Full PDB file with SEQRES, HELIX, SHEET, SSBOND, CRYST1, ORIGX, SCALE, CONECT and MASTER records, all heavy atoms in Angstrom:
SEQRES   1 A   28  SER PRO GLY ASP SER ILE THR PHE ASP VAL ARG CYS ARG          
SEQRES   2 A   28  GLN LEU ALA GLY HIS CYS ILE THR GLY GLY ALA MET ASP          
SEQRES   3 A   28  ASP ARG                                                      
SHEET    1 AA1 2 ARG A  13  GLN A  14  0                                        
SHEET    2 AA1 2 ILE A  20  THR A  21 -1                                        
CRYST1    1.000    1.000    1.000  90.00  90.00  90.00 P 1           1          
ORIGX1      1.000000  0.000000  0.000000        0.00000                         
ORIGX2      0.000000  1.000000  0.000000        0.00000                         
ORIGX3      0.000000  0.000000  1.000000        0.00000                         
SCALE1      1.000000  0.000000  0.000000        0.00000                         
SCALE2      0.000000  1.000000  0.000000        0.00000                         
SCALE3      0.000000  0.000000  1.000000        0.00000                         
ATOM      1  N   SER A   1     -54.194  25.185 -70.679  1.00  0.00           N  
ATOM      2  CA  SER A   1     -53.082  25.248 -69.770  1.00  0.00           C  
ATOM      3  C   SER A   1     -52.442  23.876 -69.647  1.00  0.00           C  
ATOM      4  O   SER A   1     -53.093  22.838 -69.831  1.00  0.00           O  
ATOM      5  CB  SER A   1     -53.554  25.664 -68.369  1.00  0.00           C  
ATOM      6  OG  SER A   1     -54.190  26.927 -68.408  1.00  0.00           O  
ATOM      7  N   PRO A   2     -51.127  23.832 -69.336  1.00  0.00           N  
ATOM      8  CA  PRO A   2     -50.484  22.545 -69.061  1.00  0.00           C  
ATOM      9  C   PRO A   2     -51.267  21.802 -67.950  1.00  0.00           C  
ATOM     10  O   PRO A   2     -51.686  22.410 -66.957  1.00  0.00           O  
ATOM     11  CB  PRO A   2     -49.090  22.923 -68.602  1.00  0.00           C  
ATOM     12  CG  PRO A   2     -48.821  24.238 -69.300  1.00  0.00           C  
ATOM     13  CD  PRO A   2     -50.146  24.947 -69.288  1.00  0.00           C  
ATOM     14  N   GLY A   3     -51.510  20.530 -68.180  1.00  0.00           N  
ATOM     15  CA  GLY A   3     -52.289  19.729 -67.260  1.00  0.00           C  
ATOM     16  C   GLY A   3     -53.704  19.472 -67.707  1.00  0.00           C  
ATOM     17  O   GLY A   3     -54.392  18.611 -67.152  1.00  0.00           O  
ATOM     18  N   ASP A   4     -54.185  20.228 -68.709  1.00  0.00           N  
ATOM     19  CA  ASP A   4     -55.522  19.975 -69.240  1.00  0.00           C  
ATOM     20  C   ASP A   4     -55.532  18.604 -69.947  1.00  0.00           C  
ATOM     21  O   ASP A   4     -54.506  18.155 -70.467  1.00  0.00           O  
ATOM     22  CB  ASP A   4     -55.945  21.058 -70.218  1.00  0.00           C  
ATOM     23  CG  ASP A   4     -56.265  22.380 -69.530  1.00  0.00           C  
ATOM     24  OD1 ASP A   4     -56.517  22.362 -68.312  1.00  0.00           O  
ATOM     25  OD2 ASP A   4     -56.258  23.440 -70.233  1.00  0.00           O  
ATOM     26  N   SER A   5     -56.696  17.986 -69.997  1.00  0.00           N  
ATOM     27  CA  SER A   5     -56.779  16.669 -70.626  1.00  0.00           C  
ATOM     28  C   SER A   5     -57.262  16.792 -72.070  1.00  0.00           C  
ATOM     29  O   SER A   5     -57.903  17.784 -72.450  1.00  0.00           O  
ATOM     30  CB  SER A   5     -57.684  15.742 -69.831  1.00  0.00           C  
ATOM     31  OG  SER A   5     -59.015  16.232 -69.820  1.00  0.00           O  
ATOM     32  N   ILE A   6     -56.967  15.752 -72.844  1.00  0.00           N  
ATOM     33  CA  ILE A   6     -57.371  15.659 -74.244  1.00  0.00           C  
ATOM     34  C   ILE A   6     -57.946  14.290 -74.454  1.00  0.00           C  
ATOM     35  O   ILE A   6     -57.367  13.300 -74.005  1.00  0.00           O  
ATOM     36  CB  ILE A   6     -56.188  15.913 -75.204  1.00  0.00           C  
ATOM     37  CG1 ILE A   6     -55.580  17.312 -74.962  1.00  0.00           C  
ATOM     38  CG2 ILE A   6     -56.613  15.744 -76.654  1.00  0.00           C  
ATOM     39  CD1 ILE A   6     -54.331  17.557 -75.788  1.00  0.00           C  
ATOM     40  N   THR A   7     -59.041  14.184 -75.170  1.00  0.00           N  
ATOM     41  CA  THR A   7     -59.637  12.888 -75.531  1.00  0.00           C  
ATOM     42  C   THR A   7     -59.866  12.828 -77.016  1.00  0.00           C  
ATOM     43  O   THR A   7     -59.954  13.853 -77.699  1.00  0.00           O  
ATOM     44  CB  THR A   7     -60.980  12.654 -74.796  1.00  0.00           C  
ATOM     45  OG1 THR A   7     -61.868  13.754 -75.046  1.00  0.00           O  
ATOM     46  CG2 THR A   7     -60.759  12.556 -73.272  1.00  0.00           C  
ATOM     47  N   PHE A   8     -59.964  11.611 -77.538  1.00  0.00           N  
ATOM     48  CA  PHE A   8     -60.327  11.455 -78.943  1.00  0.00           C  
ATOM     49  C   PHE A   8     -61.731  12.031 -79.198  1.00  0.00           C  
ATOM     50  O   PHE A   8     -62.640  11.868 -78.372  1.00  0.00           O  
ATOM     51  CB  PHE A   8     -60.336   9.961 -79.317  1.00  0.00           C  
ATOM     52  CG  PHE A   8     -58.992   9.335 -79.342  1.00  0.00           C  
ATOM     53  CD1 PHE A   8     -58.666   8.295 -78.476  1.00  0.00           C  
ATOM     54  CD2 PHE A   8     -58.009   9.740 -80.233  1.00  0.00           C  
ATOM     55  CE1 PHE A   8     -57.417   7.700 -78.490  1.00  0.00           C  
ATOM     56  CE2 PHE A   8     -56.755   9.156 -80.256  1.00  0.00           C  
ATOM     57  CZ  PHE A   8     -56.455   8.128 -79.391  1.00  0.00           C  
ATOM     58  N   ASP A   9     -61.867  12.737 -80.300  1.00  0.00           N  
ATOM     59  CA  ASP A   9     -63.156  13.310 -80.667  1.00  0.00           C  
ATOM     60  C   ASP A   9     -63.921  12.287 -81.529  1.00  0.00           C  
ATOM     61  O   ASP A   9     -63.689  12.183 -82.718  1.00  0.00           O  
ATOM     62  CB  ASP A   9     -62.946  14.599 -81.449  1.00  0.00           C  
ATOM     63  CG  ASP A   9     -64.241  15.318 -81.820  1.00  0.00           C  
ATOM     64  OD1 ASP A   9     -65.277  14.901 -81.279  1.00  0.00           O  
ATOM     65  OD2 ASP A   9     -64.215  16.230 -82.629  1.00  0.00           O  
ATOM     66  N   VAL A  10     -64.763  11.514 -80.885  1.00  0.00           N  
ATOM     67  CA  VAL A  10     -65.376  10.396 -81.586  1.00  0.00           C  
ATOM     68  C   VAL A  10     -66.822  10.212 -81.104  1.00  0.00           C  
ATOM     69  O   VAL A  10     -67.119  10.498 -79.929  1.00  0.00           O  
ATOM     70  CB  VAL A  10     -64.570   9.096 -81.364  1.00  0.00           C  
ATOM     71  CG1 VAL A  10     -64.506   8.720 -79.905  1.00  0.00           C  
ATOM     72  CG2 VAL A  10     -65.114   7.940 -82.187  1.00  0.00           C  
ATOM     73  N   ARG A  11     -67.694   9.784 -81.971  1.00  0.00           N  
ATOM     74  CA  ARG A  11     -69.059   9.473 -81.648  1.00  0.00           C  
ATOM     75  C   ARG A  11     -69.312   7.983 -81.914  1.00  0.00           C  
ATOM     76  O   ARG A  11     -68.688   7.398 -82.795  1.00  0.00           O  
ATOM     77  CB  ARG A  11     -70.018  10.324 -82.491  1.00  0.00           C  
ATOM     78  CG  ARG A  11     -69.971  11.797 -82.140  1.00  0.00           C  
ATOM     79  CD  ARG A  11     -70.563  12.055 -80.761  1.00  0.00           C  
ATOM     80  NE  ARG A  11     -70.478  13.442 -80.370  1.00  0.00           N  
ATOM     81  CZ  ARG A  11     -69.484  13.972 -79.643  1.00  0.00           C  
ATOM     82  NH1 ARG A  11     -68.482  13.199 -79.240  1.00  0.00           N  
ATOM     83  NH2 ARG A  11     -69.510  15.243 -79.301  1.00  0.00           N  
ATOM     84  N   CYS A  12     -70.213   7.426 -81.169  1.00  0.00           N  
ATOM     85  CA  CYS A  12     -70.532   6.014 -81.336  1.00  0.00           C  
ATOM     86  C   CYS A  12     -71.333   5.815 -82.621  1.00  0.00           C  
ATOM     87  O   CYS A  12     -72.141   6.693 -83.005  1.00  0.00           O  
ATOM     88  CB  CYS A  12     -71.325   5.492 -80.147  1.00  0.00           C  
ATOM     89  SG  CYS A  12     -70.388   5.517 -78.587  1.00  0.00           S  
ATOM     90  N   ARG A  13     -71.122   4.674 -83.244  1.00  0.00           N  
ATOM     91  CA  ARG A  13     -71.820   4.365 -84.486  1.00  0.00           C  
ATOM     92  C   ARG A  13     -72.298   2.912 -84.452  1.00  0.00           C  
ATOM     93  O   ARG A  13     -71.633   2.037 -83.908  1.00  0.00           O  
ATOM     94  CB  ARG A  13     -70.922   4.569 -85.695  1.00  0.00           C  
ATOM     95  CG  ARG A  13     -70.594   6.026 -86.007  1.00  0.00           C  
ATOM     96  CD  ARG A  13     -69.556   6.122 -87.088  1.00  0.00           C  
ATOM     97  NE  ARG A  13     -68.258   5.644 -86.633  1.00  0.00           N  
ATOM     98  CZ  ARG A  13     -67.217   5.466 -87.435  1.00  0.00           C  
ATOM     99  NH1 ARG A  13     -67.321   5.706 -88.722  1.00  0.00           N  
ATOM    100  NH2 ARG A  13     -66.069   5.056 -86.942  1.00  0.00           N  
ATOM    101  N   GLN A  14     -73.427   2.710 -85.079  1.00  0.00           N  
ATOM    102  CA  GLN A  14     -73.984   1.330 -85.215  1.00  0.00           C  
ATOM    103  C   GLN A  14     -73.245   0.610 -86.336  1.00  0.00           C  
ATOM    104  O   GLN A  14     -73.086   1.174 -87.431  1.00  0.00           O  
ATOM    105  CB  GLN A  14     -75.445   1.374 -85.509  1.00  0.00           C  
ATOM    106  CG  GLN A  14     -76.102   0.032 -85.683  1.00  0.00           C  
ATOM    107  CD  GLN A  14     -76.320  -0.686 -84.367  1.00  0.00           C  
ATOM    108  OE1 GLN A  14     -76.845  -0.095 -83.440  1.00  0.00           O  
ATOM    109  NE2 GLN A  14     -75.951  -1.952 -84.311  1.00  0.00           N  
ATOM    110  N   LEU A  15     -72.793  -0.605 -86.075  1.00  0.00           N  
ATOM    111  CA  LEU A  15     -72.259  -1.462 -87.095  1.00  0.00           C  
ATOM    112  C   LEU A  15     -73.318  -2.509 -87.416  1.00  0.00           C  
ATOM    113  O   LEU A  15     -74.436  -2.471 -86.939  1.00  0.00           O  
ATOM    114  CB  LEU A  15     -70.950  -2.093 -86.634  1.00  0.00           C  
ATOM    115  CG  LEU A  15     -69.814  -1.135 -86.281  1.00  0.00           C  
ATOM    116  CD1 LEU A  15     -68.584  -1.947 -85.827  1.00  0.00           C  
ATOM    117  CD2 LEU A  15     -69.468  -0.265 -87.459  1.00  0.00           C  
ATOM    118  N   ALA A  16     -72.958  -3.489 -88.217  1.00  0.00           N  
ATOM    119  CA  ALA A  16     -73.885  -4.544 -88.592  1.00  0.00           C  
ATOM    120  C   ALA A  16     -74.291  -5.352 -87.374  1.00  0.00           C  
ATOM    121  O   ALA A  16     -73.544  -5.482 -86.402  1.00  0.00           O  
ATOM    122  CB  ALA A  16     -73.268  -5.454 -89.653  1.00  0.00           C  
ATOM    123  N   GLY A  17     -75.497  -5.886 -87.438  1.00  0.00           N  
ATOM    124  CA  GLY A  17     -75.983  -6.762 -86.371  1.00  0.00           C  
ATOM    125  C   GLY A  17     -76.111  -6.046 -85.030  1.00  0.00           C  
ATOM    126  O   GLY A  17     -76.721  -4.984 -84.946  1.00  0.00           O  
ATOM    127  N   HIS A  18     -75.484  -6.593 -84.008  1.00  0.00           N  
ATOM    128  CA  HIS A  18     -75.590  -6.069 -82.652  1.00  0.00           C  
ATOM    129  C   HIS A  18     -74.364  -5.264 -82.236  1.00  0.00           C  
ATOM    130  O   HIS A  18     -74.245  -4.918 -81.062  1.00  0.00           O  
ATOM    131  CB  HIS A  18     -75.807  -7.221 -81.673  1.00  0.00           C  
ATOM    132  CG  HIS A  18     -76.989  -8.078 -81.963  1.00  0.00           C  
ATOM    133  ND1 HIS A  18     -78.269  -7.744 -81.548  1.00  0.00           N  
ATOM    134  CD2 HIS A  18     -77.113  -9.259 -82.644  1.00  0.00           C  
ATOM    135  CE1 HIS A  18     -79.125  -8.663 -81.951  1.00  0.00           C  
ATOM    136  NE2 HIS A  18     -78.455  -9.588 -82.631  1.00  0.00           N  
ATOM    137  N   CYS A  19     -73.482  -4.969 -83.153  1.00  0.00           N  
ATOM    138  CA  CYS A  19     -72.211  -4.327 -82.805  1.00  0.00           C  
ATOM    139  C   CYS A  19     -72.288  -2.811 -82.901  1.00  0.00           C  
ATOM    140  O   CYS A  19     -72.976  -2.237 -83.771  1.00  0.00           O  
ATOM    141  CB  CYS A  19     -71.091  -4.795 -83.736  1.00  0.00           C  
ATOM    142  SG  CYS A  19     -70.636  -6.529 -83.489  1.00  0.00           S  
ATOM    143  N   ILE A  20     -71.613  -2.131 -81.976  1.00  0.00           N  
ATOM    144  CA  ILE A  20     -71.434  -0.698 -82.052  1.00  0.00           C  
ATOM    145  C   ILE A  20     -69.940  -0.405 -81.858  1.00  0.00           C  
ATOM    146  O   ILE A  20     -69.194  -1.199 -81.281  1.00  0.00           O  
ATOM    147  CB  ILE A  20     -72.265   0.057 -80.999  1.00  0.00           C  
ATOM    148  CG1 ILE A  20     -71.907  -0.361 -79.567  1.00  0.00           C  
ATOM    149  CG2 ILE A  20     -73.747  -0.089 -81.247  1.00  0.00           C  
ATOM    150  CD1 ILE A  20     -72.570   0.508 -78.511  1.00  0.00           C  
ATOM    151  N   THR A  21     -69.533   0.775 -82.346  1.00  0.00           N  
ATOM    152  CA  THR A  21     -68.142   1.182 -82.225  1.00  0.00           C  
ATOM    153  C   THR A  21     -68.087   2.591 -81.657  1.00  0.00           C  
ATOM    154  O   THR A  21     -69.016   3.384 -81.835  1.00  0.00           O  
ATOM    155  CB  THR A  21     -67.442   1.103 -83.590  1.00  0.00           C  
ATOM    156  OG1 THR A  21     -66.055   1.499 -83.434  1.00  0.00           O  
ATOM    157  CG2 THR A  21     -68.057   2.059 -84.607  1.00  0.00           C  
ATOM    158  N   GLY A  22     -66.978   2.888 -81.021  1.00  0.00           N  
ATOM    159  CA  GLY A  22     -66.776   4.228 -80.469  1.00  0.00           C  
ATOM    160  C   GLY A  22     -65.565   4.233 -79.544  1.00  0.00           C  
ATOM    161  O   GLY A  22     -64.805   3.260 -79.477  1.00  0.00           O  
ATOM    162  N   GLY A  23     -65.336   5.335 -78.873  1.00  0.00           N  
ATOM    163  CA  GLY A  23     -64.260   5.422 -77.906  1.00  0.00           C  
ATOM    164  C   GLY A  23     -64.831   5.188 -76.491  1.00  0.00           C  
ATOM    165  O   GLY A  23     -66.033   5.262 -76.262  1.00  0.00           O  
ATOM    166  N   ALA A  24     -63.941   4.896 -75.537  1.00  0.00           N  
ATOM    167  CA  ALA A  24     -64.304   4.749 -74.132  1.00  0.00           C  
ATOM    168  C   ALA A  24     -65.248   3.589 -73.848  1.00  0.00           C  
ATOM    169  O   ALA A  24     -65.819   3.512 -72.745  1.00  0.00           O  
ATOM    170  CB  ALA A  24     -64.878   6.043 -73.566  1.00  0.00           C  
ATOM    171  N   MET A  25     -65.432   2.677 -74.814  1.00  0.00           N  
ATOM    172  CA  MET A  25     -66.156   1.426 -74.483  1.00  0.00           C  
ATOM    173  C   MET A  25     -65.480   0.731 -73.316  1.00  0.00           C  
ATOM    174  O   MET A  25     -66.150   0.085 -72.508  1.00  0.00           O  
ATOM    175  CB  MET A  25     -66.192   0.488 -75.695  1.00  0.00           C  
ATOM    176  CG  MET A  25     -66.915   1.039 -76.934  1.00  0.00           C  
ATOM    177  SD  MET A  25     -68.678   1.032 -76.709  1.00  0.00           S  
ATOM    178  CE  MET A  25     -69.219   1.790 -78.230  1.00  0.00           C  
ATOM    179  N   ASP A  26     -64.180   0.872 -73.247  1.00  0.00           N  
ATOM    180  CA  ASP A  26     -63.367   0.450 -72.130  1.00  0.00           C  
ATOM    181  C   ASP A  26     -63.323   1.592 -71.127  1.00  0.00           C  
ATOM    182  O   ASP A  26     -62.577   2.543 -71.308  1.00  0.00           O  
ATOM    183  CB  ASP A  26     -61.959   0.069 -72.631  1.00  0.00           C  
ATOM    184  CG  ASP A  26     -60.981  -0.289 -71.538  1.00  0.00           C  
ATOM    185  OD1 ASP A  26     -61.384  -0.440 -70.369  1.00  0.00           O  
ATOM    186  OD2 ASP A  26     -59.782  -0.384 -71.844  1.00  0.00           O  
ATOM    187  N   ASP A  27     -64.113   1.595 -70.081  1.00  0.00           N  
ATOM    188  CA  ASP A  27     -64.942   0.511 -69.593  1.00  0.00           C  
ATOM    189  C   ASP A  27     -66.356   1.004 -69.356  1.00  0.00           C  
ATOM    190  O   ASP A  27     -67.009   0.541 -68.428  1.00  0.00           O  
ATOM    191  CB  ASP A  27     -64.284  -0.078 -68.360  1.00  0.00           C  
ATOM    192  CG  ASP A  27     -65.054  -1.254 -67.746  1.00  0.00           C  
ATOM    193  OD1 ASP A  27     -65.621  -2.051 -68.536  1.00  0.00           O  
ATOM    194  OD2 ASP A  27     -65.094  -1.387 -66.526  1.00  0.00           O  
ATOM    195  N   ARG A  28     -66.820   1.929 -70.178  1.00  0.00           N  
ATOM    196  CA  ARG A  28     -68.181   2.444 -69.946  1.00  0.00           C  
ATOM    197  C   ARG A  28     -69.216   1.365 -70.203  1.00  0.00           C  
ATOM    198  O   ARG A  28     -70.323   1.413 -69.633  1.00  0.00           O  
ATOM    199  CB  ARG A  28     -68.425   3.686 -70.817  1.00  0.00           C  
ATOM    200  CG  ARG A  28     -67.353   4.774 -70.676  1.00  0.00           C  
ATOM    201  CD  ARG A  28     -67.436   5.597 -69.430  1.00  0.00           C  
ATOM    202  NE  ARG A  28     -66.239   6.426 -69.242  1.00  0.00           N  
ATOM    203  CZ  ARG A  28     -65.988   7.539 -69.919  1.00  0.00           C  
ATOM    204  NH1 ARG A  28     -66.866   7.981 -70.823  1.00  0.00           N  
ATOM    205  NH2 ARG A  28     -64.899   8.225 -69.667  1.00  0.00           N  
TER     206      ARG A  28                                                      
MASTER        0    0    0    0    2    0    0    6  205    1    0    3          
END                                                                             
């Protein structure tokens, strides 16, 4: 329905060293 929300369909992934990537890191 109009008004429903949509988010990026993404999962977190480990990068090299201590880094991780994903969505909503800001500000989780």
